[in-house]
């Protein structure tokens, strides 16, 4: 779990959220992905 959390932290985009397509070059956060990561961080 720690490894997964660390990976998510590394994938935080410059606009403040996340996108599941980030590893494919997406630079804009996705609301759905951002909410999913937020729930995981909170848990």
ModelCIF file with pLDDT and N, C-alpha, C, O atoms, coordinates in Angstrom:
data_MODEL
#
_entry.id   MODEL 
#
_entity.id                         1 
_entity.type                       polymer 
_entity.pdbx_number_of_molecules   1 
#
_entity_poly.entity_id                      1 
_entity_poly.type                           'polypeptide(L)' 
_entity_poly.nstd_linkage                   no 
_entity_poly.nstd_monomer                   no 
_entity_poly.pdbx_seq_one_letter_code       
;(UNK)(UNK)(UNK)(UNK)(UNK)(UNK)(UNK)(UNK)(UNK)(UNK)(UNK)(UNK)(UNK)(UNK)(UNK)(UNK)
(UNK)(UNK)(UNK)(UNK)(UNK)(UNK)(UNK)(UNK)(UNK)(UNK)(UNK)(UNK)(UNK)(UNK)(UNK)(UNK)
(UNK)(UNK)(UNK)(UNK)(UNK)(UNK)(UNK)(UNK)(UNK)(UNK)(UNK)
;
_entity_poly.pdbx_seq_one_letter_code_can   XXXXXXXXXXXXXXXXXXXXXXXXXXXXXXXXXXXXXXXXXXX 
_entity_poly.pdbx_strand_id                 A 
#
loop_
_entity_poly_seq.entity_id 
_entity_poly_seq.num 
_entity_poly_seq.mon_id 
_entity_poly_seq.hetero 
1 1  UNK n 
1 2  UNK n 
1 3  UNK n 
1 4  UNK n 
1 5  UNK n 
1 6  UNK n 
1 7  UNK n 
1 8  UNK n 
1 9  UNK n 
1 10 UNK n 
1 11 UNK n 
1 12 UNK n 
1 13 UNK n 
1 14 UNK n 
1 15 UNK n 
1 16 UNK n 
1 17 UNK n 
1 18 UNK n 
1 19 UNK n 
1 20 UNK n 
1 21 UNK n 
1 22 UNK n 
1 23 UNK n 
1 24 UNK n 
1 25 UNK n 
1 26 UNK n 
1 27 UNK n 
1 28 UNK n 
1 29 UNK n 
1 30 UNK n 
1 31 UNK n 
1 32 UNK n 
1 33 UNK n 
1 34 UNK n 
1 35 UNK n 
1 36 UNK n 
1 37 UNK n 
1 38 UNK n 
1 39 UNK n 
1 40 UNK n 
1 41 UNK n 
1 42 UNK n 
1 43 UNK n 
#
_struct_asym.id          A 
_struct_asym.entity_id   1 
#
loop_
_ma_qa_metric.id 
_ma_qa_metric.mode 
_ma_qa_metric.name 
_ma_qa_metric.software_group_id 
_ma_qa_metric.type 
1 global pLDDT . pLDDT 
2 local  pLDDT . pLDDT 
#
_ma_qa_metric_global.metric_id      1 
_ma_qa_metric_global.metric_value   88.56 
_ma_qa_metric_global.model_id       1 
_ma_qa_metric_global.ordinal_id     1 
#
loop_
_ma_qa_metric_local.label_asym_id 
_ma_qa_metric_local.label_comp_id 
_ma_qa_metric_local.label_seq_id 
_ma_qa_metric_local.metric_id 
_ma_qa_metric_local.metric_value 
_ma_qa_metric_local.model_id 
_ma_qa_metric_local.ordinal_id 
A UNK 1  2 82.00 1 1  
A UNK 2  2 87.00 1 2  
A UNK 3  2 87.00 1 3  
A UNK 4  2 87.00 1 4  
A UNK 5  2 90.00 1 5  
A UNK 6  2 91.00 1 6  
A UNK 7  2 89.00 1 7  
A UNK 8  2 89.00 1 8  
A UNK 9  2 90.00 1 9  
A UNK 10 2 91.00 1 10 
A UNK 11 2 91.00 1 11 
A UNK 12 2 89.00 1 12 
A UNK 13 2 90.00 1 13 
A UNK 14 2 88.00 1 14 
A UNK 15 2 87.00 1 15 
A UNK 16 2 85.00 1 16 
A UNK 17 2 88.00 1 17 
A UNK 18 2 90.00 1 18 
A UNK 19 2 91.00 1 19 
A UNK 20 2 88.00 1 20 
A UNK 21 2 88.00 1 21 
A UNK 22 2 81.00 1 22 
A UNK 23 2 81.00 1 23 
A UNK 24 2 87.00 1 24 
A UNK 25 2 85.00 1 25 
A UNK 26 2 86.00 1 26 
A UNK 27 2 87.00 1 27 
A UNK 28 2 90.00 1 28 
A UNK 29 2 89.00 1 29 
A UNK 30 2 89.00 1 30 
A UNK 31 2 87.00 1 31 
A UNK 32 2 90.00 1 32 
A UNK 33 2 91.00 1 33 
A UNK 34 2 90.00 1 34 
A UNK 35 2 90.00 1 35 
A UNK 36 2 91.00 1 36 
A UNK 37 2 91.00 1 37 
A UNK 38 2 90.00 1 38 
A UNK 39 2 91.00 1 39 
A UNK 40 2 91.00 1 40 
A UNK 41 2 91.00 1 41 
A UNK 42 2 91.00 1 42 
A UNK 43 2 91.00 1 43 
#
loop_
_atom_site.group_PDB 
_atom_site.id 
_atom_site.type_symbol 
_atom_site.label_atom_id 
_atom_site.label_alt_id 
_atom_site.label_comp_id 
_atom_site.label_asym_id 
_atom_site.label_entity_id 
_atom_site.label_seq_id 
_atom_site.pdbx_PDB_ins_code 
_atom_site.Cartn_x 
_atom_site.Cartn_y 
_atom_site.Cartn_z 
_atom_site.occupancy 
_atom_site.B_iso_or_equiv 
_atom_site.pdbx_formal_charge 
_atom_site.auth_seq_id 
_atom_site.auth_comp_id 
_atom_site.auth_asym_id 
_atom_site.auth_atom_id 
_atom_site.pdbx_PDB_model_num 
ATOM 1   N N  . UNK A 1 1  ? 0.831   -1.202 0.000   1.00 82.00 ? 1  UNK A N  1 
ATOM 2   C CA . UNK A 1 1  ? 0.000   0.000  0.000   1.00 82.00 ? 1  UNK A CA 1 
ATOM 3   C C  . UNK A 1 1  ? 0.867   1.254  0.000   1.00 82.00 ? 1  UNK A C  1 
ATOM 4   O O  . UNK A 1 1  ? 0.577   2.212  -0.716  1.00 82.00 ? 1  UNK A O  1 
ATOM 5   N N  . UNK A 1 2  ? 1.909   1.249  0.786   1.00 87.00 ? 2  UNK A N  1 
ATOM 6   C CA . UNK A 1 2  ? 2.804   2.421  0.835   1.00 87.00 ? 2  UNK A CA 1 
ATOM 7   C C  . UNK A 1 2  ? 3.380   2.704  -0.548  1.00 87.00 ? 2  UNK A C  1 
ATOM 8   O O  . UNK A 1 2  ? 3.478   3.861  -0.958  1.00 87.00 ? 2  UNK A O  1 
ATOM 9   N N  . UNK A 1 3  ? 3.756   1.661  -1.257  1.00 87.00 ? 3  UNK A N  1 
ATOM 10  C CA . UNK A 1 3  ? 4.288   1.830  -2.608  1.00 87.00 ? 3  UNK A CA 1 
ATOM 11  C C  . UNK A 1 3  ? 3.266   2.437  -3.561  1.00 87.00 ? 3  UNK A C  1 
ATOM 12  O O  . UNK A 1 3  ? 3.604   3.276  -4.395  1.00 87.00 ? 3  UNK A O  1 
ATOM 13  N N  . UNK A 1 4  ? 2.014   2.006  -3.432  1.00 87.00 ? 4  UNK A N  1 
ATOM 14  C CA . UNK A 1 4  ? 0.951   2.566  -4.270  1.00 87.00 ? 4  UNK A CA 1 
ATOM 15  C C  . UNK A 1 4  ? 0.701   4.038  -3.948  1.00 87.00 ? 4  UNK A C  1 
ATOM 16  O O  . UNK A 1 4  ? 0.507   4.858  -4.845  1.00 87.00 ? 4  UNK A O  1 
ATOM 17  N N  . UNK A 1 5  ? 0.708   4.353  -2.671  1.00 90.00 ? 5  UNK A N  1 
ATOM 18  C CA . UNK A 1 5  ? 0.511   5.748  -2.257  1.00 90.00 ? 5  UNK A CA 1 
ATOM 19  C C  . UNK A 1 5  ? 1.663   6.614  -2.762  1.00 90.00 ? 5  UNK A C  1 
ATOM 20  O O  . UNK A 1 5  ? 1.433   7.712  -3.268  1.00 90.00 ? 5  UNK A O  1 
ATOM 21  N N  . UNK A 1 6  ? 2.879   6.139  -2.630  1.00 91.00 ? 6  UNK A N  1 
ATOM 22  C CA . UNK A 1 6  ? 4.039   6.895  -3.108  1.00 91.00 ? 6  UNK A CA 1 
ATOM 23  C C  . UNK A 1 6  ? 3.970   7.121  -4.610  1.00 91.00 ? 6  UNK A C  1 
ATOM 24  O O  . UNK A 1 6  ? 4.343   8.186  -5.101  1.00 91.00 ? 6  UNK A O  1 
ATOM 25  N N  . UNK A 1 7  ? 3.493   6.120  -5.340  1.00 89.00 ? 7  UNK A N  1 
ATOM 26  C CA . UNK A 1 7  ? 3.347   6.278  -6.792  1.00 89.00 ? 7  UNK A CA 1 
ATOM 27  C C  . UNK A 1 7  ? 2.320   7.364  -7.098  1.00 89.00 ? 7  UNK A C  1 
ATOM 28  O O  . UNK A 1 7  ? 2.528   8.188  -7.988  1.00 89.00 ? 7  UNK A O  1 
ATOM 29  N N  . UNK A 1 8  ? 1.213   7.362  -6.361  1.00 89.00 ? 8  UNK A N  1 
ATOM 30  C CA . UNK A 1 8  ? 0.200   8.398  -6.588  1.00 89.00 ? 8  UNK A CA 1 
ATOM 31  C C  . UNK A 1 8  ? 0.756   9.785  -6.304  1.00 89.00 ? 8  UNK A C  1 
ATOM 32  O O  . UNK A 1 8  ? 0.473   10.734 -7.036  1.00 89.00 ? 8  UNK A O  1 
ATOM 33  N N  . UNK A 1 9  ? 1.537   9.901  -5.257  1.00 90.00 ? 9  UNK A N  1 
ATOM 34  C CA . UNK A 1 9  ? 2.145   11.200 -4.943  1.00 90.00 ? 9  UNK A CA 1 
ATOM 35  C C  . UNK A 1 9  ? 3.064   11.652 -6.070  1.00 90.00 ? 9  UNK A C  1 
ATOM 36  O O  . UNK A 1 9  ? 3.115   12.838 -6.396  1.00 90.00 ? 9  UNK A O  1 
ATOM 37  N N  . UNK A 1 10 ? 3.786   10.714 -6.662  1.00 91.00 ? 10 UNK A N  1 
ATOM 38  C CA . UNK A 1 10 ? 4.690   11.043 -7.766  1.00 91.00 ? 10 UNK A CA 1 
ATOM 39  C C  . UNK A 1 10 ? 3.933   11.458 -9.026  1.00 91.00 ? 10 UNK A C  1 
ATOM 40  O O  . UNK A 1 10 ? 4.472   12.174 -9.869  1.00 91.00 ? 10 UNK A O  1 
ATOM 41  N N  . UNK A 1 11 ? 2.676   11.006 -9.154  1.00 91.00 ? 11 UNK A N  1 
ATOM 42  C CA . UNK A 1 11 ? 1.894   11.268 -10.354 1.00 91.00 ? 11 UNK A CA 1 
ATOM 43  C C  . UNK A 1 11 ? 0.972   12.482 -10.232 1.00 91.00 ? 11 UNK A C  1 
ATOM 44  O O  . UNK A 1 11 ? 0.163   12.739 -11.124 1.00 91.00 ? 11 UNK A O  1 
ATOM 45  N N  . UNK A 1 12 ? 1.092   13.225 -9.134  1.00 89.00 ? 12 UNK A N  1 
ATOM 46  C CA . UNK A 1 12 ? 0.289   14.441 -8.964  1.00 89.00 ? 12 UNK A CA 1 
ATOM 47  C C  . UNK A 1 12 ? 0.644   15.422 -10.078 1.00 89.00 ? 12 UNK A C  1 
ATOM 48  O O  . UNK A 1 12 ? 1.816   15.730 -10.297 1.00 89.00 ? 12 UNK A O  1 
ATOM 49  N N  . UNK A 1 13 ? -0.371  15.905 -10.773 1.00 90.00 ? 13 UNK A N  1 
ATOM 50  C CA . UNK A 1 13 ? -0.152  16.823 -11.894 1.00 90.00 ? 13 UNK A CA 1 
ATOM 51  C C  . UNK A 1 13 ? -0.030  18.261 -11.407 1.00 90.00 ? 13 UNK A C  1 
ATOM 52  O O  . UNK A 1 13 ? -0.433  18.580 -10.288 1.00 90.00 ? 13 UNK A O  1 
ATOM 53  N N  . UNK A 1 14 ? 0.510   19.101 -12.226 1.00 88.00 ? 14 UNK A N  1 
ATOM 54  C CA . UNK A 1 14 ? 0.787   20.482 -11.830 1.00 88.00 ? 14 UNK A CA 1 
ATOM 55  C C  . UNK A 1 14 ? -0.481  21.282 -11.525 1.00 88.00 ? 14 UNK A C  1 
ATOM 56  O O  . UNK A 1 14 ? -0.410  22.285 -10.815 1.00 88.00 ? 14 UNK A O  1 
ATOM 57  N N  . UNK A 1 15 ? -1.633  20.863 -12.042 1.00 87.00 ? 15 UNK A N  1 
ATOM 58  C CA . UNK A 1 15 ? -2.871  21.607 -11.753 1.00 87.00 ? 15 UNK A CA 1 
ATOM 59  C C  . UNK A 1 15 ? -3.508  21.183 -10.431 1.00 87.00 ? 15 UNK A C  1 
ATOM 60  O O  . UNK A 1 15 ? -4.522  21.752 -10.027 1.00 87.00 ? 15 UNK A O  1 
ATOM 61  N N  . UNK A 1 16 ? -2.923  20.185 -9.748  1.00 85.00 ? 16 UNK A N  1 
ATOM 62  C CA . UNK A 1 16 ? -3.385  19.817 -8.417  1.00 85.00 ? 16 UNK A CA 1 
ATOM 63  C C  . UNK A 1 16 ? -4.180  18.542 -8.320  1.00 85.00 ? 16 UNK A C  1 
ATOM 64  O O  . UNK A 1 16 ? -4.608  18.171 -7.228  1.00 85.00 ? 16 UNK A O  1 
ATOM 65  N N  . UNK A 1 17 ? -4.390  17.863 -9.418  1.00 88.00 ? 17 UNK A N  1 
ATOM 66  C CA . UNK A 1 17 ? -5.159  16.616 -9.400  1.00 88.00 ? 17 UNK A CA 1 
ATOM 67  C C  . UNK A 1 17 ? -4.412  15.493 -10.084 1.00 88.00 ? 17 UNK A C  1 
ATOM 68  O O  . UNK A 1 17 ? -3.200  15.562 -10.288 1.00 88.00 ? 17 UNK A O  1 
ATOM 69  N N  . UNK A 1 18 ? -5.157  14.453 -10.436 1.00 90.00 ? 18 UNK A N  1 
ATOM 70  C CA . UNK A 1 18 ? -4.560  13.280 -11.083 1.00 90.00 ? 18 UNK A CA 1 
ATOM 71  C C  . UNK A 1 18 ? -5.344  12.927 -12.334 1.00 90.00 ? 18 UNK A C  1 
ATOM 72  O O  . UNK A 1 18 ? -6.493  13.334 -12.505 1.00 90.00 ? 18 UNK A O  1 
ATOM 73  N N  . UNK A 1 19 ? -4.695  12.156 -13.210 1.00 91.00 ? 19 UNK A N  1 
ATOM 74  C CA . UNK A 1 19 ? -5.340  11.628 -14.405 1.00 91.00 ? 19 UNK A CA 1 
ATOM 75  C C  . UNK A 1 19 ? -4.763  10.250 -14.671 1.00 91.00 ? 19 UNK A C  1 
ATOM 76  O O  . UNK A 1 19 ? -3.546  10.066 -14.658 1.00 91.00 ? 19 UNK A O  1 
ATOM 77  N N  . UNK A 1 20 ? -5.648  9.272  -14.915 1.00 88.00 ? 20 UNK A N  1 
ATOM 78  C CA . UNK A 1 20 ? -5.179  7.910  -15.160 1.00 88.00 ? 20 UNK A CA 1 
ATOM 79  C C  . UNK A 1 20 ? -4.392  7.808  -16.469 1.00 88.00 ? 20 UNK A C  1 
ATOM 80  O O  . UNK A 1 20 ? -3.727  6.802  -16.719 1.00 88.00 ? 20 UNK A O  1 
ATOM 81  N N  . UNK A 1 21 ? -4.468  8.837  -17.293 1.00 88.00 ? 21 UNK A N  1 
ATOM 82  C CA . UNK A 1 21 ? -3.701  8.876  -18.542 1.00 88.00 ? 21 UNK A CA 1 
ATOM 83  C C  . UNK A 1 21 ? -2.396  9.661  -18.379 1.00 88.00 ? 21 UNK A C  1 
ATOM 84  O O  . UNK A 1 21 ? -1.726  9.963  -19.366 1.00 88.00 ? 21 UNK A O  1 
ATOM 85  N N  . UNK A 1 22 ? -2.042  9.987  -17.151 1.00 81.00 ? 22 UNK A N  1 
ATOM 86  C CA . UNK A 1 22 ? -0.832  10.761 -16.902 1.00 81.00 ? 22 UNK A CA 1 
ATOM 87  C C  . UNK A 1 22 ? 0.425   10.088 -17.411 1.00 81.00 ? 22 UNK A C  1 
ATOM 88  O O  . UNK A 1 22 ? 1.343   10.753 -17.892 1.00 81.00 ? 22 UNK A O  1 
ATOM 89  N N  . UNK A 1 23 ? 0.468   8.763  -17.304 1.00 81.00 ? 23 UNK A N  1 
ATOM 90  C CA . UNK A 1 23 ? 1.651   8.048  -17.789 1.00 81.00 ? 23 UNK A CA 1 
ATOM 91  C C  . UNK A 1 23 ? 1.728   8.050  -19.310 1.00 81.00 ? 23 UNK A C  1 
ATOM 92  O O  . UNK A 1 23 ? 2.751   7.668  -19.877 1.00 81.00 ? 23 UNK A O  1 
ATOM 93  N N  . UNK A 1 24 ? 0.657   8.477  -19.977 1.00 87.00 ? 24 UNK A N  1 
ATOM 94  C CA . UNK A 1 24 ? 0.637   8.581  -21.436 1.00 87.00 ? 24 UNK A CA 1 
ATOM 95  C C  . UNK A 1 24 ? 0.761   10.027 -21.899 1.00 87.00 ? 24 UNK A C  1 
ATOM 96  O O  . UNK A 1 24 ? 0.559   10.342 -23.072 1.00 87.00 ? 24 UNK A O  1 
ATOM 97  N N  . UNK A 1 25 ? 1.100   10.903 -20.945 1.00 85.00 ? 25 UNK A N  1 
ATOM 98  C CA . UNK A 1 25 ? 1.381   12.283 -21.308 1.00 85.00 ? 25 UNK A CA 1 
ATOM 99  C C  . UNK A 1 25 ? 0.296   13.289 -21.001 1.00 85.00 ? 25 UNK A C  1 
ATOM 100 O O  . UNK A 1 25 ? 0.469   14.478 -21.270 1.00 85.00 ? 25 UNK A O  1 
ATOM 101 N N  . UNK A 1 26 ? -0.826  12.846 -20.441 1.00 86.00 ? 26 UNK A N  1 
ATOM 102 C CA . UNK A 1 26 ? -1.876  13.804 -20.121 1.00 86.00 ? 26 UNK A CA 1 
ATOM 103 C C  . UNK A 1 26 ? -1.382  14.790 -19.063 1.00 86.00 ? 26 UNK A C  1 
ATOM 104 O O  . UNK A 1 26 ? -0.766  14.392 -18.074 1.00 86.00 ? 26 UNK A O  1 
ATOM 105 N N  . UNK A 1 27 ? -1.650  16.054 -19.275 1.00 87.00 ? 27 UNK A N  1 
ATOM 106 C CA . UNK A 1 27 ? -1.216  17.105 -18.352 1.00 87.00 ? 27 UNK A CA 1 
ATOM 107 C C  . UNK A 1 27 ? -2.387  17.730 -17.600 1.00 87.00 ? 27 UNK A C  1 
ATOM 108 O O  . UNK A 1 27 ? -2.181  18.593 -16.748 1.00 87.00 ? 27 UNK A O  1 
ATOM 109 N N  . UNK A 1 28 ? -3.603  17.309 -17.902 1.00 90.00 ? 28 UNK A N  1 
ATOM 110 C CA . UNK A 1 28 ? -4.806  17.878 -17.287 1.00 90.00 ? 28 UNK A CA 1 
ATOM 111 C C  . UNK A 1 28 ? -5.483  16.835 -16.412 1.00 90.00 ? 28 UNK A C  1 
ATOM 112 O O  . UNK A 1 28 ? -5.688  15.697 -16.832 1.00 90.00 ? 28 UNK A O  1 
ATOM 113 N N  . UNK A 1 29 ? -5.824  17.228 -15.208 1.00 89.00 ? 29 UNK A N  1 
ATOM 114 C CA . UNK A 1 29 ? -6.417  16.294 -14.257 1.00 89.00 ? 29 UNK A CA 1 
ATOM 115 C C  . UNK A 1 29 ? -7.826  15.891 -14.659 1.00 89.00 ? 29 UNK A C  1 
ATOM 116 O O  . UNK A 1 29 ? -8.556  16.645 -15.304 1.00 89.00 ? 29 UNK A O  1 
ATOM 117 N N  . UNK A 1 30 ? -8.176  14.698 -14.264 1.00 89.00 ? 30 UNK A N  1 
ATOM 118 C CA . UNK A 1 30 ? -9.507  14.144 -14.456 1.00 89.00 ? 30 UNK A CA 1 
ATOM 119 C C  . UNK A 1 30 ? -10.239 14.206 -13.122 1.00 89.00 ? 30 UNK A C  1 
ATOM 120 O O  . UNK A 1 30 ? -9.679  13.845 -12.087 1.00 89.00 ? 30 UNK A O  1 
ATOM 121 N N  . UNK A 1 31 ? -11.489 14.662 -13.140 1.00 87.00 ? 31 UNK A N  1 
ATOM 122 C CA . UNK A 1 31 ? -12.251 14.746 -11.902 1.00 87.00 ? 31 UNK A CA 1 
ATOM 123 C C  . UNK A 1 31 ? -12.419 13.364 -11.273 1.00 87.00 ? 31 UNK A C  1 
ATOM 124 O O  . UNK A 1 31 ? -12.232 13.206 -10.066 1.00 87.00 ? 31 UNK A O  1 
ATOM 125 N N  . UNK A 1 32 ? -12.766 12.374 -12.073 1.00 90.00 ? 32 UNK A N  1 
ATOM 126 C CA . UNK A 1 32 ? -12.990 11.028 -11.542 1.00 90.00 ? 32 UNK A CA 1 
ATOM 127 C C  . UNK A 1 32 ? -11.723 10.453 -10.928 1.00 90.00 ? 32 UNK A C  1 
ATOM 128 O O  . UNK A 1 32 ? -11.747 9.950  -9.804  1.00 90.00 ? 32 UNK A O  1 
ATOM 129 N N  . UNK A 1 33 ? -10.630 10.525 -11.650 1.00 91.00 ? 33 UNK A N  1 
ATOM 130 C CA . UNK A 1 33 ? -9.372  9.992  -11.127 1.00 91.00 ? 33 UNK A CA 1 
ATOM 131 C C  . UNK A 1 33 ? -8.950  10.743 -9.877  1.00 91.00 ? 33 UNK A C  1 
ATOM 132 O O  . UNK A 1 33 ? -8.478  10.141 -8.913  1.00 91.00 ? 33 UNK A O  1 
ATOM 133 N N  . UNK A 1 34 ? -9.121  12.057 -9.895  1.00 90.00 ? 34 UNK A N  1 
ATOM 134 C CA . UNK A 1 34 ? -8.761  12.874 -8.738  1.00 90.00 ? 34 UNK A CA 1 
ATOM 135 C C  . UNK A 1 34 ? -9.577  12.466 -7.512  1.00 90.00 ? 34 UNK A C  1 
ATOM 136 O O  . UNK A 1 34 ? -9.030  12.339 -6.417  1.00 90.00 ? 34 UNK A O  1 
ATOM 137 N N  . UNK A 1 35 ? -10.871 12.264 -7.692  1.00 90.00 ? 35 UNK A N  1 
ATOM 138 C CA . UNK A 1 35 ? -11.714 11.843 -6.566  1.00 90.00 ? 35 UNK A CA 1 
ATOM 139 C C  . UNK A 1 35 ? -11.308 10.466 -6.047  1.00 90.00 ? 35 UNK A C  1 
ATOM 140 O O  . UNK A 1 35 ? -11.295 10.238 -4.837  1.00 90.00 ? 35 UNK A O  1 
ATOM 141 N N  . UNK A 1 36 ? -10.983 9.561  -6.940  1.00 91.00 ? 36 UNK A N  1 
ATOM 142 C CA . UNK A 1 36 ? -10.561 8.218  -6.527  1.00 91.00 ? 36 UNK A CA 1 
ATOM 143 C C  . UNK A 1 36 ? -9.273  8.276  -5.705  1.00 91.00 ? 36 UNK A C  1 
ATOM 144 O O  . UNK A 1 36 ? -9.160  7.611  -4.675  1.00 91.00 ? 36 UNK A O  1 
ATOM 145 N N  . UNK A 1 37 ? -8.315  9.063  -6.158  1.00 91.00 ? 37 UNK A N  1 
ATOM 146 C CA . UNK A 1 37 ? -7.053  9.186  -5.430  1.00 91.00 ? 37 UNK A CA 1 
ATOM 147 C C  . UNK A 1 37 ? -7.293  9.880  -4.091  1.00 91.00 ? 37 UNK A C  1 
ATOM 148 O O  . UNK A 1 37 ? -6.716  9.487  -3.078  1.00 91.00 ? 37 UNK A O  1 
ATOM 149 N N  . UNK A 1 38 ? -8.132  10.897 -4.082  1.00 90.00 ? 38 UNK A N  1 
ATOM 150 C CA . UNK A 1 38 ? -8.454  11.585 -2.834  1.00 90.00 ? 38 UNK A CA 1 
ATOM 151 C C  . UNK A 1 38 ? -9.031  10.609 -1.811  1.00 90.00 ? 38 UNK A C  1 
ATOM 152 O O  . UNK A 1 38 ? -8.637  10.638 -0.645  1.00 90.00 ? 38 UNK A O  1 
ATOM 153 N N  . UNK A 1 39 ? -9.944  9.759  -2.224  1.00 91.00 ? 39 UNK A N  1 
ATOM 154 C CA . UNK A 1 39 ? -10.520 8.759  -1.319  1.00 91.00 ? 39 UNK A CA 1 
ATOM 155 C C  . UNK A 1 39 ? -9.449  7.816  -0.787  1.00 91.00 ? 39 UNK A C  1 
ATOM 156 O O  . UNK A 1 39 ? -9.458  7.465  0.393   1.00 91.00 ? 39 UNK A O  1 
ATOM 157 N N  . UNK A 1 40 ? -8.532  7.408  -1.649  1.00 91.00 ? 40 UNK A N  1 
ATOM 158 C CA . UNK A 1 40 ? -7.461  6.497  -1.221  1.00 91.00 ? 40 UNK A CA 1 
ATOM 159 C C  . UNK A 1 40 ? -6.534  7.176  -0.217  1.00 91.00 ? 40 UNK A C  1 
ATOM 160 O O  . UNK A 1 40 ? -6.155  6.567  0.783   1.00 91.00 ? 40 UNK A O  1 
ATOM 161 N N  . UNK A 1 41 ? -6.169  8.424  -0.472  1.00 91.00 ? 41 UNK A N  1 
ATOM 162 C CA . UNK A 1 41 ? -5.287  9.142  0.451   1.00 91.00 ? 41 UNK A CA 1 
ATOM 163 C C  . UNK A 1 41 ? -5.959  9.335  1.806   1.00 91.00 ? 41 UNK A C  1 
ATOM 164 O O  . UNK A 1 41 ? -5.321  9.184  2.848   1.00 91.00 ? 41 UNK A O  1 
ATOM 165 N N  . UNK A 1 42 ? -7.230  9.664  1.790   1.00 91.00 ? 42 UNK A N  1 
ATOM 166 C CA . UNK A 1 42 ? -7.959  9.862  3.032   1.00 91.00 ? 42 UNK A CA 1 
ATOM 167 C C  . UNK A 1 42 ? -8.057  8.558  3.822   1.00 91.00 ? 42 UNK A C  1 
ATOM 168 O O  . UNK A 1 42 ? -7.858  8.549  5.037   1.00 91.00 ? 42 UNK A O  1 
ATOM 169 N N  . UNK A 1 43 ? -8.357  7.479  3.144   1.00 91.00 ? 43 UNK A N  1 
ATOM 170 C CA . UNK A 1 43 ? -8.437  6.183  3.828   1.00 91.00 ? 43 UNK A CA 1 
ATOM 171 C C  . UNK A 1 43 ? -7.085  5.780  4.394   1.00 91.00 ? 43 UNK A C  1 
ATOM 172 O O  . UNK A 1 43 ? -6.963  4.717  5.003   1.00 91.00 ? 43 UNK A O  1 
#
